[in-house]
Amino acid sequence: MFTGIIEEVGRIQRLGGGSLTIAAREVLKDVHVGDSIAVNGICLTVTSFDARHFTADVMPETVRRTSLDGLRQGSPVNLERALQLGGRLGGHIVSGHIDGTGTIRAFRDEKNAILMTVEAEPSILQGIVEKGSVALDGISLTVAEVTDHDFTVSLIPHTREVTNLGSRKQGDAINIENDVIGKYVAKMLGSAYGTAEDAGHAGGLSKDFLVRNGFFI
């Protein structure tokens, strides 16, 4: 579990053969084999490390669902260690399980902020809510606007300075993780995975189910 507050930007040293190696500093301070580190928002397990690098295995499903296939040696990646209980939750609850990728369509200046617009599939957009939270390449961000084909987030200069967004450009693919709480609510209501009637029959929530059980008059 993560918070979406990036600790450092690492660099890809090697990618291929079902694993990747990343050069890093901050996230290695207390690392152990088996630890989880979010790499561009993707929860990966450390399989080996030394003083300046760590290696993680990458499953084919991870490659299919994320933008990893577009990375090359030297690519900057956002890194975050798993949340420690008792620490501050500075962003929002991020699982590190990517829902899919979007495409950066535009950057627009707005005084001291930059508006970044990301195009995404309808299956992802239905889980994105204006003023809600979304993780992009593992960065916890607030949604400023949603349309039927894209959404926009507002970036402060600090975010671009301490993450890989400073080097991102129009047309780049970016990893998207929707708010996990919203996904569970959608599943229970049947709005994202079939109809409300299907959800009721499957033990989930629907209006008919609630009426049958006395919750509506």
N, C-alpha and C. Protein backbone atom coordinates (compact mmCIF):
# COMPACT_ATOMS: atom_id res chain seq x y z
N MET A 1 0.84 -1.19 0.00
CA MET A 1 0.00 0.00 0.00
C MET A 1 0.88 1.25 0.00
N PHE A 2 0.47 2.26 -0.77
CA PHE A 2 1.27 3.46 -0.95
C PHE A 2 0.39 4.69 -0.75
N THR A 3 1.02 5.87 -0.81
CA THR A 3 0.27 7.11 -0.62
C THR A 3 0.26 7.99 -1.86
N GLY A 4 1.11 7.70 -2.84
CA GLY A 4 1.18 8.54 -4.03
C GLY A 4 2.07 9.75 -3.85
N ILE A 5 2.84 9.80 -2.76
CA ILE A 5 3.81 10.87 -2.55
C ILE A 5 5.20 10.33 -2.94
N ILE A 6 5.73 10.78 -4.04
CA ILE A 6 6.95 10.23 -4.62
C ILE A 6 8.16 10.59 -3.76
N GLU A 7 9.02 9.60 -3.49
CA GLU A 7 10.20 9.82 -2.67
C GLU A 7 11.43 10.24 -3.48
N GLU A 8 11.53 9.70 -4.68
CA GLU A 8 12.65 10.08 -5.54
C GLU A 8 12.37 9.60 -6.96
N VAL A 9 13.16 10.11 -7.89
CA VAL A 9 13.11 9.65 -9.28
C VAL A 9 14.35 8.80 -9.53
N GLY A 10 14.13 7.52 -9.87
CA GLY A 10 15.23 6.63 -10.21
C GLY A 10 15.42 6.56 -11.71
N ARG A 11 16.39 5.75 -12.13
CA ARG A 11 16.67 5.58 -13.56
C ARG A 11 16.74 4.10 -13.90
N ILE A 12 16.09 3.73 -15.01
CA ILE A 12 16.16 2.35 -15.48
C ILE A 12 17.58 2.02 -15.92
N GLN A 13 18.15 0.94 -15.36
CA GLN A 13 19.48 0.48 -15.75
C GLN A 13 19.39 -0.69 -16.72
N ARG A 14 18.41 -1.54 -16.50
CA ARG A 14 18.25 -2.70 -17.37
C ARG A 14 16.79 -3.12 -17.35
N LEU A 15 16.26 -3.47 -18.52
CA LEU A 15 14.87 -3.90 -18.62
C LEU A 15 14.78 -4.99 -19.66
N GLY A 16 14.29 -6.17 -19.26
CA GLY A 16 14.16 -7.28 -20.19
C GLY A 16 14.33 -8.60 -19.48
N GLY A 17 13.92 -9.66 -20.15
CA GLY A 17 14.04 -10.99 -19.57
C GLY A 17 13.20 -11.21 -18.34
N GLY A 18 12.10 -10.45 -18.23
CA GLY A 18 11.19 -10.64 -17.10
C GLY A 18 11.59 -9.91 -15.83
N SER A 19 12.54 -8.98 -15.92
CA SER A 19 12.93 -8.22 -14.73
C SER A 19 13.42 -6.84 -15.14
N LEU A 20 13.55 -5.96 -14.17
CA LEU A 20 14.15 -4.66 -14.43
C LEU A 20 15.02 -4.26 -13.25
N THR A 21 16.05 -3.49 -13.55
CA THR A 21 16.96 -3.00 -12.52
C THR A 21 16.94 -1.48 -12.56
N ILE A 22 16.86 -0.88 -11.38
CA ILE A 22 16.69 0.57 -11.27
C ILE A 22 17.77 1.14 -10.36
N ALA A 23 18.39 2.22 -10.79
CA ALA A 23 19.33 2.96 -9.96
C ALA A 23 18.53 3.88 -9.03
N ALA A 24 18.86 3.86 -7.74
CA ALA A 24 18.11 4.64 -6.75
C ALA A 24 19.01 4.93 -5.56
N ARG A 25 18.52 5.78 -4.65
CA ARG A 25 19.26 6.07 -3.42
C ARG A 25 18.33 6.02 -2.21
N GLU A 26 17.32 6.89 -2.21
CA GLU A 26 16.46 7.06 -1.03
C GLU A 26 15.73 5.78 -0.66
N VAL A 27 15.14 5.09 -1.65
CA VAL A 27 14.33 3.91 -1.35
C VAL A 27 15.17 2.71 -0.95
N LEU A 28 16.50 2.82 -1.08
CA LEU A 28 17.39 1.71 -0.71
C LEU A 28 17.87 1.79 0.73
N LYS A 29 17.50 2.85 1.44
CA LYS A 29 18.06 3.06 2.78
C LYS A 29 17.69 1.95 3.76
N ASP A 30 16.51 1.38 3.64
CA ASP A 30 16.11 0.31 4.55
C ASP A 30 15.50 -0.86 3.79
N VAL A 31 15.96 -1.09 2.56
CA VAL A 31 15.34 -2.09 1.70
C VAL A 31 15.72 -3.51 2.14
N HIS A 32 14.79 -4.44 1.89
CA HIS A 32 15.01 -5.86 2.10
C HIS A 32 14.45 -6.62 0.91
N VAL A 33 15.00 -7.77 0.63
CA VAL A 33 14.40 -8.64 -0.39
C VAL A 33 12.98 -8.97 0.02
N GLY A 34 12.05 -8.83 -0.91
CA GLY A 34 10.64 -9.07 -0.63
C GLY A 34 9.86 -7.80 -0.38
N ASP A 35 10.54 -6.67 -0.20
CA ASP A 35 9.84 -5.40 0.00
C ASP A 35 9.11 -4.98 -1.27
N SER A 36 8.07 -4.18 -1.09
CA SER A 36 7.35 -3.61 -2.23
C SER A 36 7.82 -2.18 -2.47
N ILE A 37 8.09 -1.86 -3.72
CA ILE A 37 8.41 -0.49 -4.14
C ILE A 37 7.55 -0.17 -5.35
N ALA A 38 6.90 0.99 -5.32
CA ALA A 38 6.09 1.42 -6.46
C ALA A 38 7.00 2.09 -7.48
N VAL A 39 6.97 1.59 -8.71
CA VAL A 39 7.77 2.11 -9.81
C VAL A 39 6.80 2.67 -10.84
N ASN A 40 6.76 3.99 -10.98
CA ASN A 40 5.74 4.64 -11.81
C ASN A 40 4.35 4.15 -11.42
N GLY A 41 4.16 3.95 -10.11
CA GLY A 41 2.86 3.53 -9.60
C GLY A 41 2.61 2.05 -9.63
N ILE A 42 3.55 1.26 -10.14
CA ILE A 42 3.37 -0.19 -10.25
C ILE A 42 4.01 -0.85 -9.04
N CYS A 43 3.25 -1.60 -8.28
CA CYS A 43 3.78 -2.28 -7.11
C CYS A 43 4.63 -3.46 -7.56
N LEU A 44 5.95 -3.37 -7.29
CA LEU A 44 6.89 -4.43 -7.66
C LEU A 44 7.62 -4.92 -6.42
N THR A 45 8.05 -6.18 -6.46
CA THR A 45 8.73 -6.81 -5.33
C THR A 45 10.23 -6.86 -5.57
N VAL A 46 10.99 -6.39 -4.58
CA VAL A 46 12.44 -6.38 -4.68
C VAL A 46 12.96 -7.82 -4.59
N THR A 47 13.71 -8.25 -5.59
CA THR A 47 14.29 -9.60 -5.60
C THR A 47 15.78 -9.60 -5.27
N SER A 48 16.45 -8.47 -5.50
CA SER A 48 17.85 -8.32 -5.12
C SER A 48 18.18 -6.84 -5.12
N PHE A 49 19.29 -6.49 -4.45
CA PHE A 49 19.69 -5.08 -4.40
C PHE A 49 21.16 -4.98 -4.02
N ASP A 50 21.74 -3.81 -4.31
CA ASP A 50 23.06 -3.47 -3.79
C ASP A 50 22.99 -2.02 -3.31
N ALA A 51 24.11 -1.38 -3.13
CA ALA A 51 24.13 -0.04 -2.55
C ALA A 51 23.52 1.02 -3.46
N ARG A 52 23.42 0.73 -4.76
CA ARG A 52 22.94 1.76 -5.69
C ARG A 52 21.81 1.32 -6.61
N HIS A 53 21.38 0.05 -6.51
CA HIS A 53 20.37 -0.46 -7.43
C HIS A 53 19.46 -1.46 -6.72
N PHE A 54 18.29 -1.69 -7.31
CA PHE A 54 17.47 -2.84 -6.92
C PHE A 54 16.86 -3.45 -8.17
N THR A 55 16.56 -4.73 -8.06
CA THR A 55 15.98 -5.49 -9.17
C THR A 55 14.64 -6.06 -8.76
N ALA A 56 13.69 -6.07 -9.69
CA ALA A 56 12.36 -6.63 -9.44
C ALA A 56 11.93 -7.44 -10.66
N ASP A 57 11.19 -8.51 -10.40
CA ASP A 57 10.62 -9.30 -11.49
C ASP A 57 9.37 -8.59 -12.03
N VAL A 58 9.13 -8.78 -13.32
CA VAL A 58 7.98 -8.17 -13.99
C VAL A 58 7.21 -9.25 -14.73
N MET A 59 5.93 -9.43 -14.37
CA MET A 59 5.10 -10.43 -15.01
C MET A 59 4.56 -9.92 -16.35
N PRO A 60 4.24 -10.81 -17.29
CA PRO A 60 3.64 -10.39 -18.56
C PRO A 60 2.37 -9.54 -18.37
N GLU A 61 1.55 -9.87 -17.38
CA GLU A 61 0.33 -9.10 -17.13
C GLU A 61 0.67 -7.65 -16.77
N THR A 62 1.75 -7.47 -16.02
CA THR A 62 2.17 -6.11 -15.66
C THR A 62 2.55 -5.32 -16.91
N VAL A 63 3.27 -5.95 -17.81
CA VAL A 63 3.67 -5.28 -19.05
C VAL A 63 2.44 -4.94 -19.88
N ARG A 64 1.47 -5.85 -19.96
CA ARG A 64 0.26 -5.61 -20.75
C ARG A 64 -0.54 -4.44 -20.21
N ARG A 65 -0.61 -4.28 -18.91
CA ARG A 65 -1.48 -3.29 -18.27
C ARG A 65 -0.84 -1.92 -18.09
N THR A 66 0.46 -1.81 -18.25
CA THR A 66 1.16 -0.58 -17.88
C THR A 66 1.98 -0.04 -19.05
N SER A 67 2.71 1.04 -18.75
CA SER A 67 3.56 1.67 -19.76
C SER A 67 5.00 1.18 -19.69
N LEU A 68 5.26 0.09 -18.97
CA LEU A 68 6.63 -0.40 -18.82
C LEU A 68 7.30 -0.70 -20.16
N ASP A 69 6.53 -1.17 -21.11
CA ASP A 69 7.10 -1.58 -22.39
C ASP A 69 7.73 -0.40 -23.13
N GLY A 70 7.30 0.83 -22.76
CA GLY A 70 7.84 2.01 -23.42
C GLY A 70 9.08 2.58 -22.76
N LEU A 71 9.51 1.99 -21.64
CA LEU A 71 10.70 2.48 -20.95
C LEU A 71 11.97 1.94 -21.60
N ARG A 72 13.02 2.70 -21.45
CA ARG A 72 14.32 2.32 -21.99
C ARG A 72 15.40 2.58 -20.94
N GLN A 73 16.60 2.11 -21.18
CA GLN A 73 17.71 2.39 -20.28
C GLN A 73 17.86 3.90 -20.11
N GLY A 74 17.91 4.34 -18.87
CA GLY A 74 18.02 5.76 -18.58
C GLY A 74 16.70 6.46 -18.36
N SER A 75 15.57 5.80 -18.63
CA SER A 75 14.26 6.43 -18.42
C SER A 75 14.07 6.76 -16.94
N PRO A 76 13.55 7.97 -16.63
CA PRO A 76 13.27 8.32 -15.24
C PRO A 76 11.98 7.66 -14.77
N VAL A 77 11.97 7.16 -13.55
CA VAL A 77 10.78 6.51 -12.99
C VAL A 77 10.55 7.00 -11.56
N ASN A 78 9.28 7.21 -11.21
CA ASN A 78 8.90 7.62 -9.87
C ASN A 78 8.99 6.44 -8.91
N LEU A 79 9.58 6.66 -7.74
CA LEU A 79 9.76 5.58 -6.76
C LEU A 79 9.14 5.96 -5.42
N GLU A 80 8.48 4.99 -4.80
CA GLU A 80 7.92 5.18 -3.45
C GLU A 80 7.95 3.85 -2.71
N ARG A 81 8.47 3.86 -1.49
CA ARG A 81 8.40 2.68 -0.65
C ARG A 81 6.99 2.50 -0.10
N ALA A 82 6.69 1.29 0.35
CA ALA A 82 5.36 1.00 0.91
C ALA A 82 5.12 1.84 2.17
N LEU A 83 3.84 2.16 2.38
CA LEU A 83 3.42 2.95 3.54
C LEU A 83 3.72 2.21 4.84
N GLN A 84 4.26 2.94 5.82
CA GLN A 84 4.45 2.42 7.16
C GLN A 84 3.30 2.87 8.05
N LEU A 85 2.71 1.95 8.80
CA LEU A 85 1.66 2.34 9.73
C LEU A 85 2.22 3.29 10.78
N GLY A 86 1.48 4.33 11.05
CA GLY A 86 1.95 5.34 11.99
C GLY A 86 2.52 6.56 11.29
N GLY A 87 2.70 6.48 9.96
CA GLY A 87 3.19 7.62 9.21
C GLY A 87 2.04 8.47 8.71
N ARG A 88 2.36 9.62 8.13
CA ARG A 88 1.34 10.52 7.58
C ARG A 88 0.89 10.04 6.21
N LEU A 89 -0.40 10.03 5.98
CA LEU A 89 -0.96 9.68 4.68
C LEU A 89 -1.11 10.97 3.88
N GLY A 90 -0.01 11.39 3.24
CA GLY A 90 0.02 12.69 2.59
C GLY A 90 -0.78 12.76 1.30
N GLY A 91 -1.00 11.63 0.64
CA GLY A 91 -1.75 11.63 -0.61
C GLY A 91 -3.10 10.96 -0.43
N HIS A 92 -3.29 9.81 -1.08
CA HIS A 92 -4.49 9.00 -0.86
C HIS A 92 -4.07 7.53 -0.91
N ILE A 93 -4.99 6.62 -0.65
CA ILE A 93 -4.65 5.20 -0.61
C ILE A 93 -4.41 4.70 -2.03
N VAL A 94 -3.18 4.25 -2.28
CA VAL A 94 -2.76 3.77 -3.60
C VAL A 94 -2.28 2.34 -3.46
N SER A 95 -2.84 1.43 -4.25
CA SER A 95 -2.52 0.02 -4.12
C SER A 95 -1.31 -0.40 -4.95
N GLY A 96 -1.00 0.36 -5.99
CA GLY A 96 0.06 -0.04 -6.89
C GLY A 96 -0.41 -1.02 -7.96
N HIS A 97 -1.71 -1.21 -8.08
CA HIS A 97 -2.28 -2.10 -9.09
C HIS A 97 -2.89 -1.23 -10.18
N ILE A 98 -2.23 -1.17 -11.32
CA ILE A 98 -2.58 -0.25 -12.40
C ILE A 98 -3.84 -0.72 -13.12
N ASP A 99 -4.77 0.21 -13.37
CA ASP A 99 -6.00 -0.12 -14.10
C ASP A 99 -5.79 -0.09 -15.61
N GLY A 100 -4.84 0.70 -16.05
CA GLY A 100 -4.56 0.81 -17.48
C GLY A 100 -3.71 2.04 -17.73
N THR A 101 -3.52 2.37 -18.99
CA THR A 101 -2.73 3.54 -19.33
C THR A 101 -3.59 4.57 -20.05
N GLY A 102 -3.15 5.82 -19.96
CA GLY A 102 -3.75 6.90 -20.72
C GLY A 102 -2.67 7.56 -21.56
N THR A 103 -3.06 8.57 -22.33
CA THR A 103 -2.13 9.30 -23.18
C THR A 103 -2.19 10.79 -22.83
N ILE A 104 -1.03 11.37 -22.56
CA ILE A 104 -0.99 12.81 -22.27
C ILE A 104 -1.30 13.57 -23.55
N ARG A 105 -2.35 14.40 -23.50
CA ARG A 105 -2.79 15.12 -24.68
C ARG A 105 -2.39 16.58 -24.68
N ALA A 106 -2.22 17.20 -23.50
CA ALA A 106 -1.90 18.62 -23.49
C ALA A 106 -1.36 19.05 -22.14
N PHE A 107 -0.51 20.07 -22.17
CA PHE A 107 -0.08 20.81 -20.99
C PHE A 107 -0.50 22.27 -21.22
N ARG A 108 -1.13 22.88 -20.21
CA ARG A 108 -1.52 24.28 -20.33
C ARG A 108 -1.13 25.04 -19.07
N ASP A 109 -0.51 26.18 -19.25
CA ASP A 109 -0.13 27.01 -18.11
C ASP A 109 -1.35 27.70 -17.52
N GLU A 110 -1.42 27.74 -16.19
CA GLU A 110 -2.47 28.47 -15.49
C GLU A 110 -1.85 29.13 -14.26
N LYS A 111 -1.33 30.34 -14.46
CA LYS A 111 -0.62 31.08 -13.41
C LYS A 111 0.53 30.22 -12.87
N ASN A 112 0.50 29.87 -11.59
CA ASN A 112 1.62 29.10 -11.03
C ASN A 112 1.44 27.60 -11.18
N ALA A 113 0.42 27.16 -11.88
CA ALA A 113 0.13 25.73 -12.06
C ALA A 113 0.20 25.36 -13.54
N ILE A 114 0.25 24.07 -13.78
CA ILE A 114 0.17 23.54 -15.14
C ILE A 114 -0.96 22.52 -15.17
N LEU A 115 -1.87 22.68 -16.11
CA LEU A 115 -2.96 21.73 -16.29
C LEU A 115 -2.52 20.66 -17.28
N MET A 116 -2.60 19.40 -16.86
CA MET A 116 -2.24 18.28 -17.73
C MET A 116 -3.49 17.47 -18.05
N THR A 117 -3.77 17.30 -19.33
CA THR A 117 -4.95 16.56 -19.77
C THR A 117 -4.53 15.19 -20.28
N VAL A 118 -5.24 14.16 -19.81
CA VAL A 118 -4.92 12.77 -20.14
C VAL A 118 -6.14 12.12 -20.78
N GLU A 119 -5.96 11.55 -21.96
CA GLU A 119 -7.02 10.80 -22.63
C GLU A 119 -7.00 9.36 -22.12
N ALA A 120 -8.19 8.79 -21.87
CA ALA A 120 -8.27 7.43 -21.34
C ALA A 120 -9.52 6.73 -21.85
N GLU A 121 -9.53 5.41 -21.69
CA GLU A 121 -10.66 4.60 -22.11
C GLU A 121 -11.88 4.86 -21.20
N PRO A 122 -13.09 4.67 -21.74
CA PRO A 122 -14.30 4.86 -20.92
C PRO A 122 -14.31 4.03 -19.65
N SER A 123 -13.74 2.82 -19.68
CA SER A 123 -13.72 1.96 -18.50
C SER A 123 -12.92 2.58 -17.37
N ILE A 124 -11.92 3.40 -17.70
CA ILE A 124 -11.15 4.12 -16.69
C ILE A 124 -11.84 5.41 -16.30
N LEU A 125 -12.37 6.14 -17.28
CA LEU A 125 -12.99 7.44 -17.02
C LEU A 125 -14.20 7.34 -16.10
N GLN A 126 -14.92 6.20 -16.16
CA GLN A 126 -16.11 6.08 -15.31
C GLN A 126 -15.74 6.01 -13.83
N GLY A 127 -14.47 5.74 -13.53
CA GLY A 127 -14.04 5.72 -12.14
C GLY A 127 -13.33 6.98 -11.70
N ILE A 128 -13.31 8.00 -12.56
CA ILE A 128 -12.63 9.26 -12.24
C ILE A 128 -13.67 10.34 -11.98
N VAL A 129 -13.54 11.02 -10.85
CA VAL A 129 -14.53 11.98 -10.40
C VAL A 129 -13.87 13.34 -10.20
N GLU A 130 -14.54 14.40 -10.65
CA GLU A 130 -14.02 15.75 -10.45
C GLU A 130 -13.80 16.02 -8.96
N LYS A 131 -12.63 16.53 -8.63
CA LYS A 131 -12.18 16.80 -7.26
C LYS A 131 -11.86 15.52 -6.49
N GLY A 132 -11.91 14.38 -7.17
CA GLY A 132 -11.49 13.12 -6.56
C GLY A 132 -10.01 12.91 -6.76
N SER A 133 -9.51 11.76 -6.32
CA SER A 133 -8.09 11.45 -6.42
C SER A 133 -7.82 10.43 -7.52
N VAL A 134 -6.67 10.56 -8.16
CA VAL A 134 -6.21 9.59 -9.14
C VAL A 134 -4.69 9.51 -9.01
N ALA A 135 -4.12 8.32 -9.25
CA ALA A 135 -2.67 8.15 -9.24
C ALA A 135 -2.18 8.02 -10.68
N LEU A 136 -1.30 8.94 -11.09
CA LEU A 136 -0.71 8.92 -12.43
C LEU A 136 0.78 8.66 -12.30
N ASP A 137 1.22 7.55 -12.87
CA ASP A 137 2.61 7.10 -12.65
C ASP A 137 2.94 7.08 -11.17
N GLY A 138 1.94 6.74 -10.35
CA GLY A 138 2.14 6.62 -8.91
C GLY A 138 2.03 7.92 -8.14
N ILE A 139 1.75 9.04 -8.81
CA ILE A 139 1.66 10.34 -8.16
C ILE A 139 0.22 10.61 -7.76
N SER A 140 -0.02 10.89 -6.49
CA SER A 140 -1.36 11.23 -6.02
C SER A 140 -1.72 12.63 -6.50
N LEU A 141 -2.79 12.73 -7.32
CA LEU A 141 -3.20 14.01 -7.90
C LEU A 141 -4.70 14.18 -7.76
N THR A 142 -5.14 15.44 -7.77
CA THR A 142 -6.55 15.77 -7.68
C THR A 142 -7.10 16.09 -9.07
N VAL A 143 -8.24 15.52 -9.38
CA VAL A 143 -8.86 15.71 -10.70
C VAL A 143 -9.54 17.08 -10.74
N ALA A 144 -9.20 17.87 -11.76
CA ALA A 144 -9.79 19.20 -11.91
C ALA A 144 -11.01 19.18 -12.82
N GLU A 145 -11.01 18.28 -13.80
CA GLU A 145 -12.11 18.25 -14.77
C GLU A 145 -12.17 16.88 -15.43
N VAL A 146 -13.37 16.43 -15.77
CA VAL A 146 -13.57 15.16 -16.47
C VAL A 146 -14.52 15.37 -17.63
N THR A 147 -14.18 14.83 -18.79
CA THR A 147 -15.10 14.83 -19.92
C THR A 147 -15.39 13.38 -20.31
N ASP A 148 -16.06 13.18 -21.43
CA ASP A 148 -16.39 11.82 -21.84
C ASP A 148 -15.22 11.13 -22.54
N HIS A 149 -14.09 11.84 -22.72
CA HIS A 149 -12.94 11.20 -23.37
C HIS A 149 -11.60 11.49 -22.69
N ASP A 150 -11.58 12.42 -21.71
CA ASP A 150 -10.32 12.70 -21.03
C ASP A 150 -10.58 13.31 -19.66
N PHE A 151 -9.50 13.55 -18.92
CA PHE A 151 -9.60 14.24 -17.64
C PHE A 151 -8.37 15.11 -17.46
N THR A 152 -8.47 16.09 -16.58
CA THR A 152 -7.40 17.05 -16.38
C THR A 152 -7.02 17.13 -14.91
N VAL A 153 -5.73 17.19 -14.64
CA VAL A 153 -5.22 17.40 -13.29
C VAL A 153 -4.38 18.67 -13.28
N SER A 154 -4.28 19.31 -12.12
CA SER A 154 -3.50 20.52 -11.98
C SER A 154 -2.21 20.20 -11.22
N LEU A 155 -1.07 20.61 -11.79
CA LEU A 155 0.23 20.30 -11.22
C LEU A 155 0.88 21.56 -10.67
N ILE A 156 1.32 21.51 -9.42
CA ILE A 156 2.12 22.60 -8.89
C ILE A 156 3.56 22.42 -9.35
N PRO A 157 4.36 23.48 -9.39
CA PRO A 157 5.75 23.33 -9.84
C PRO A 157 6.52 22.26 -9.08
N HIS A 158 6.29 22.13 -7.77
CA HIS A 158 7.02 21.15 -6.97
C HIS A 158 6.81 19.74 -7.50
N THR A 159 5.60 19.42 -7.92
CA THR A 159 5.31 18.07 -8.42
C THR A 159 6.14 17.76 -9.65
N ARG A 160 6.27 18.70 -10.54
CA ARG A 160 7.07 18.47 -11.75
C ARG A 160 8.56 18.40 -11.43
N GLU A 161 8.98 19.11 -10.38
CA GLU A 161 10.39 19.13 -10.03
C GLU A 161 10.86 17.82 -9.40
N VAL A 162 9.99 17.16 -8.62
CA VAL A 162 10.42 15.99 -7.84
C VAL A 162 9.89 14.68 -8.41
N THR A 163 9.23 14.71 -9.57
CA THR A 163 8.74 13.48 -10.20
C THR A 163 9.18 13.47 -11.67
N ASN A 164 8.81 12.41 -12.37
CA ASN A 164 9.17 12.31 -13.78
C ASN A 164 8.28 13.15 -14.69
N LEU A 165 7.27 13.83 -14.12
CA LEU A 165 6.39 14.65 -14.96
C LEU A 165 7.14 15.83 -15.58
N GLY A 166 8.27 16.22 -14.98
CA GLY A 166 9.04 17.30 -15.55
C GLY A 166 9.61 16.98 -16.92
N SER A 167 9.75 15.69 -17.23
CA SER A 167 10.30 15.28 -18.53
C SER A 167 9.24 14.70 -19.45
N ARG A 168 7.99 14.65 -18.98
CA ARG A 168 6.93 14.09 -19.81
C ARG A 168 6.51 15.07 -20.89
N LYS A 169 6.00 14.53 -22.01
CA LYS A 169 5.59 15.37 -23.13
C LYS A 169 4.29 14.84 -23.73
N GLN A 170 3.70 15.66 -24.56
CA GLN A 170 2.46 15.29 -25.24
C GLN A 170 2.66 14.00 -26.03
N GLY A 171 1.70 13.08 -25.89
CA GLY A 171 1.75 11.80 -26.59
C GLY A 171 2.31 10.67 -25.77
N ASP A 172 2.91 10.98 -24.61
CA ASP A 172 3.45 9.93 -23.75
C ASP A 172 2.34 9.11 -23.10
N ALA A 173 2.60 7.82 -22.93
CA ALA A 173 1.69 6.96 -22.17
C ALA A 173 1.97 7.14 -20.68
N ILE A 174 0.92 7.04 -19.87
CA ILE A 174 1.06 7.22 -18.43
C ILE A 174 0.19 6.21 -17.70
N ASN A 175 0.71 5.64 -16.60
CA ASN A 175 -0.04 4.65 -15.84
C ASN A 175 -1.14 5.32 -15.01
N ILE A 176 -2.30 4.68 -14.97
CA ILE A 176 -3.45 5.22 -14.24
C ILE A 176 -3.94 4.19 -13.23
N GLU A 177 -4.09 4.62 -11.98
CA GLU A 177 -4.79 3.82 -10.97
C GLU A 177 -5.92 4.65 -10.39
N ASN A 178 -7.14 4.18 -10.59
CA ASN A 178 -8.31 4.86 -10.03
C ASN A 178 -8.37 4.67 -8.52
N ASP A 179 -9.12 5.54 -7.87
CA ASP A 179 -9.30 5.48 -6.43
C ASP A 179 -9.89 4.12 -6.04
N VAL A 180 -9.19 3.37 -5.21
CA VAL A 180 -9.60 2.01 -4.87
C VAL A 180 -10.95 1.99 -4.15
N ILE A 181 -11.24 3.00 -3.34
CA ILE A 181 -12.53 3.04 -2.65
C ILE A 181 -13.66 3.17 -3.67
N GLY A 182 -13.46 4.04 -4.67
CA GLY A 182 -14.47 4.19 -5.71
C GLY A 182 -14.69 2.91 -6.49
N LYS A 183 -13.62 2.14 -6.71
CA LYS A 183 -13.76 0.89 -7.46
C LYS A 183 -14.61 -0.12 -6.70
N TYR A 184 -14.43 -0.20 -5.39
CA TYR A 184 -15.23 -1.13 -4.59
C TYR A 184 -16.69 -0.70 -4.55
N VAL A 185 -16.93 0.61 -4.43
CA VAL A 185 -18.32 1.11 -4.44
C VAL A 185 -18.97 0.79 -5.77
N ALA A 186 -18.25 1.05 -6.88
CA ALA A 186 -18.79 0.76 -8.20
C ALA A 186 -19.10 -0.72 -8.38
N LYS A 187 -18.22 -1.57 -7.86
CA LYS A 187 -18.44 -3.01 -7.95
C LYS A 187 -19.70 -3.42 -7.21
N MET A 188 -19.88 -2.88 -5.99
CA MET A 188 -21.06 -3.22 -5.19
C MET A 188 -22.35 -2.74 -5.84
N LEU A 189 -22.30 -1.56 -6.47
CA LEU A 189 -23.49 -1.01 -7.10
C LEU A 189 -23.72 -1.56 -8.50
N GLY A 190 -22.71 -2.23 -9.04
CA GLY A 190 -22.88 -2.83 -10.36
C GLY A 190 -22.69 -1.86 -11.50
N SER A 191 -22.24 -0.64 -11.22
CA SER A 191 -22.14 0.36 -12.28
C SER A 191 -20.94 0.15 -13.18
N ALA A 192 -19.92 -0.54 -12.67
CA ALA A 192 -18.72 -0.72 -13.48
C ALA A 192 -18.59 -2.13 -14.03
N TYR A 193 -19.23 -3.10 -13.39
CA TYR A 193 -19.06 -4.50 -13.78
C TYR A 193 -20.43 -5.15 -13.94
N GLY A 194 -21.12 -4.79 -15.05
CA GLY A 194 -22.44 -5.33 -15.26
C GLY A 194 -23.51 -4.38 -14.75
N THR A 195 -24.77 -4.83 -14.77
CA THR A 195 -25.89 -3.99 -14.37
C THR A 195 -26.12 -4.04 -12.88
N ALA A 196 -26.93 -3.10 -12.40
CA ALA A 196 -27.28 -3.09 -10.98
C ALA A 196 -28.03 -4.36 -10.61
N GLU A 197 -28.88 -4.87 -11.55
CA GLU A 197 -29.61 -6.10 -11.28
C GLU A 197 -28.66 -7.27 -11.11
N ASP A 198 -27.61 -7.30 -11.95
CA ASP A 198 -26.62 -8.37 -11.84
C ASP A 198 -25.94 -8.32 -10.48
N ALA A 199 -25.62 -7.11 -10.02
CA ALA A 199 -24.95 -6.96 -8.73
C ALA A 199 -25.84 -7.47 -7.61
N GLY A 200 -27.16 -7.17 -7.69
CA GLY A 200 -28.07 -7.63 -6.65
C GLY A 200 -28.15 -9.14 -6.60
N HIS A 201 -28.22 -9.76 -7.78
CA HIS A 201 -28.30 -11.23 -7.81
C HIS A 201 -27.01 -11.86 -7.31
N ALA A 202 -25.89 -11.14 -7.48
CA ALA A 202 -24.60 -11.70 -7.08
C ALA A 202 -24.25 -11.40 -5.63
N GLY A 203 -25.21 -10.81 -4.91
CA GLY A 203 -24.95 -10.50 -3.52
C GLY A 203 -24.50 -9.07 -3.30
N GLY A 204 -24.45 -8.27 -4.40
CA GLY A 204 -24.06 -6.87 -4.27
C GLY A 204 -25.28 -5.99 -4.02
N LEU A 205 -25.10 -4.69 -4.22
CA LEU A 205 -26.16 -3.74 -3.95
C LEU A 205 -26.81 -3.27 -5.24
N SER A 206 -28.12 -3.15 -5.24
CA SER A 206 -28.87 -2.52 -6.31
C SER A 206 -30.11 -1.90 -5.68
N LYS A 207 -30.78 -1.00 -6.43
CA LYS A 207 -31.98 -0.38 -5.88
C LYS A 207 -33.05 -1.43 -5.59
N ASP A 208 -33.22 -2.39 -6.52
CA ASP A 208 -34.22 -3.44 -6.30
C ASP A 208 -33.91 -4.26 -5.06
N PHE A 209 -32.62 -4.57 -4.87
CA PHE A 209 -32.22 -5.33 -3.69
C PHE A 209 -32.57 -4.57 -2.42
N LEU A 210 -32.28 -3.25 -2.40
CA LEU A 210 -32.58 -2.44 -1.22
C LEU A 210 -34.08 -2.33 -0.98
N VAL A 211 -34.86 -2.17 -2.06
CA VAL A 211 -36.32 -2.11 -1.91
C VAL A 211 -36.86 -3.40 -1.31
N ARG A 212 -36.36 -4.54 -1.82
CA ARG A 212 -36.84 -5.83 -1.32
C ARG A 212 -36.52 -6.03 0.15
N ASN A 213 -35.50 -5.35 0.61
CA ASN A 213 -35.09 -5.51 1.99
C ASN A 213 -35.47 -4.32 2.90
N GLY A 214 -36.44 -3.52 2.41
CA GLY A 214 -37.04 -2.50 3.26
C GLY A 214 -36.29 -1.20 3.41
N PHE A 215 -35.35 -0.91 2.52
CA PHE A 215 -34.59 0.33 2.67
C PHE A 215 -35.22 1.49 1.94
N PHE A 216 -36.22 1.24 1.08
CA PHE A 216 -36.96 2.31 0.40
C PHE A 216 -38.45 2.10 0.67
N ILE A 217 -39.17 3.20 0.75
CA ILE A 217 -40.63 3.11 0.94
C ILE A 217 -41.32 3.45 -0.39
